[in-house]
C-alpha atoms as a PDB file:
ATOM      1  CA  MET A   1       0.000   0.000   0.000  1.00  0.00           C
ATOM      2  CA  GLU A   2       1.059   3.540  -0.592  1.00  0.00           C
ATOM      3  CA  ALA A   3       2.248   5.709   2.278  1.00  0.00           C
ATOM      4  CA  SER A   4      -0.774   8.003   1.888  1.00  0.00           C
ATOM      5  CA  ASP A   5      -3.087   4.988   2.216  1.00  0.00           C
ATOM      6  CA  GLU A   6      -1.221   3.799   5.292  1.00  0.00           C
ATOM      7  CA  ALA A   7      -1.615   7.235   6.873  1.00  0.00           C
ATOM      8  CA  LEU A   8      -5.322   7.266   6.047  1.00  0.00           C
ATOM      9  CA  ILE A   9      -5.762   3.771   7.481  1.00  0.00           C
ATOM     10  CA  ALA A  10      -3.956   4.837  10.675  1.00  0.00           C
ATOM     11  CA  LYS A  11      -6.343   7.790  10.928  1.00  0.00           C
ATOM     12  CA  LEU A  12      -9.529   5.768  10.370  1.00  0.00           C
ATOM     13  CA  ILE A  13      -8.739   2.420  11.953  1.00  0.00           C
ATOM     14  CA  ASN A  14      -9.740   3.442  15.485  1.00  0.00           C
ATOM     15  CA  THR A  15     -13.187   4.609  14.394  1.00  0.00           C
ATOM     16  CA  ASP A  16     -14.042   1.944  11.812  1.00  0.00           C
ATOM     17  CA  PRO A  17     -14.169  -1.622  13.186  1.00  0.00           C
ATOM     18  CA  VAL A  18     -14.786  -3.091   9.716  1.00  0.00           C
ATOM     19  CA  LEU A  19     -11.646  -1.426   8.380  1.00  0.00           C
ATOM     20  CA  LYS A  20      -9.687  -2.646  11.393  1.00  0.00           C
ATOM     21  CA  GLN A  21     -10.823  -6.245  10.827  1.00  0.00           C
ATOM     22  CA  LEU A  22     -10.024  -6.039   7.097  1.00  0.00           C
ATOM     23  CA  VAL A  23      -6.535  -4.669   7.782  1.00  0.00           C
ATOM     24  CA  ASP A  24      -5.894  -7.311  10.465  1.00  0.00           C
ATOM     25  CA  ASP A  25      -7.033 -10.053   8.075  1.00  0.00           C
ATOM     26  CA  HIS A  26      -4.904  -8.603   5.259  1.00  0.00           C
ATOM     27  CA  LEU A  27      -1.791  -8.639   7.452  1.00  0.00           C
ATOM     28  CA  ASP A  28      -2.531 -12.207   8.568  1.00  0.00           C
ATOM     29  CA  TYR A  29      -2.941 -13.384   4.963  1.00  0.00           C
ATOM     30  CA  GLU A  30       0.289 -11.626   4.023  1.00  0.00           C
ATOM     31  CA  ARG A  31       2.191 -13.266   6.880  1.00  0.00           C
ATOM     32  CA  ARG A  32       0.833 -16.711   6.033  1.00  0.00           C
ATOM     33  CA  LEU A  33       1.604 -16.292   2.331  1.00  0.00           C
ATOM     34  CA  GLU A  34       5.164 -15.188   3.075  1.00  0.00           C
ATOM     35  CA  ASP A  35       5.600 -18.297   5.204  1.00  0.00           C
ATOM     36  CA  MET A  36       4.314 -20.524   2.409  1.00  0.00           C
ATOM     37  CA  ASN A  37       6.447 -18.781  -0.214  1.00  0.00           C
ATOM     38  CA  ARG A  38       9.620 -19.525   1.791  1.00  0.00           C
ATOM     39  CA  ARG A  39       9.000 -23.256   1.553  1.00  0.00           C
ATOM     40  CA  PRO A  40      10.780 -25.095  -1.253  1.00  0.00           C
ATOM     41  CA  TYR A  41       7.783 -27.361  -1.826  1.00  0.00           C
ATOM     42  CA  LEU A  42       4.067 -27.228  -1.093  1.00  0.00           C
ATOM     43  CA  SER A  43       1.749 -30.187  -1.011  1.00  0.00           C
ATOM     44  CA  THR A  44      -1.335 -30.059  -3.200  1.00  0.00           C
ATOM     45  CA  GLU A  45      -3.451 -29.046  -0.217  1.00  0.00           C
ATOM     46  CA  GLU A  46      -0.981 -26.326   0.762  1.00  0.00           C
ATOM     47  CA  ASP A  47      -0.917 -24.984  -2.793  1.00  0.00           C
ATOM     48  CA  ILE A  48      -4.719 -24.824  -2.825  1.00  0.00           C
ATOM     49  CA  GLU A  49      -4.617 -23.012   0.526  1.00  0.00           C
ATOM     50  CA  ARG A  50      -2.005 -20.579  -0.827  1.00  0.00           C
ATOM     51  CA  LYS A  51      -4.251 -19.749  -3.772  1.00  0.00           C
ATOM     52  CA  ARG A  52      -7.240 -19.316  -1.450  1.00  0.00           C
ATOM     53  CA  LEU A  53      -5.222 -16.951   0.738  1.00  0.00           C
ATOM     54  CA  GLN A  54      -4.128 -14.938  -2.301  1.00  0.00           C
ATOM     55  CA  LYS A  55      -7.738 -14.528  -3.415  1.00  0.00           C
ATOM     56  CA  ALA A  56      -8.903 -13.619   0.092  1.00  0.00           C
ATOM     57  CA  LYS A  57      -6.091 -11.078   0.447  1.00  0.00           C
ATOM     58  CA  LEU A  58      -6.993  -9.460  -2.876  1.00  0.00           C
ATOM     59  CA  ALA A  59     -10.713  -9.386  -2.039  1.00  0.00           C
ATOM     60  CA  GLY A  60      -9.909  -7.781   1.310  1.00  0.00           C
ATOM     61  CA  LYS A  61      -7.691  -5.196  -0.335  1.00  0.00           C
ATOM     62  CA  ASP A  62     -10.544  -4.298  -2.689  1.00  0.00           C
ATOM     63  CA  LYS A  63     -12.849  -3.816   0.304  1.00  0.00           C
ATOM     64  CA  ILE A  64     -10.241  -1.642   2.038  1.00  0.00           C
ATOM     65  CA  GLU A  65      -9.946   0.461  -1.124  1.00  0.00           C
ATOM     66  CA  ARG A  66     -13.729   0.978  -1.213  1.00  0.00           C
ATOM     67  CA  ILE A  67     -13.691   2.164   2.405  1.00  0.00           C
ATOM     68  CA  LEU A  68     -10.746   4.552   1.806  1.00  0.00           C
ATOM     69  CA  ALA A  69     -11.981   6.019  -1.507  1.00  0.00           C
ATOM     70  CA  PRO A  70     -14.452   8.543  -0.049  1.00  0.00           C
ATOM     71  CA  HIS A  71     -11.808   9.811   2.398  1.00  0.00           C
ATOM     72  CA  ARG A  72      -9.139  10.595  -0.196  1.00  0.00           C
ATOM     73  CA  VAL A  73      -8.582  14.211  -1.120  1.00  0.00           C
END
């Protein structure tokens, strides 16, 4: 995310519980994906889970963008 978005999130996160949950989920997905990407090999189930996490992370980012859009100058 851009620095301006991070600043806006920091400003809004304490007053918007939905945004807070989306950001927390996004960070969790990112952490889990980084862990999976460090592994030299993933089982079929792990690869499916990695793809699910990628989709969930992207969907969450889209939701975050929709929340931030009206607050941008």
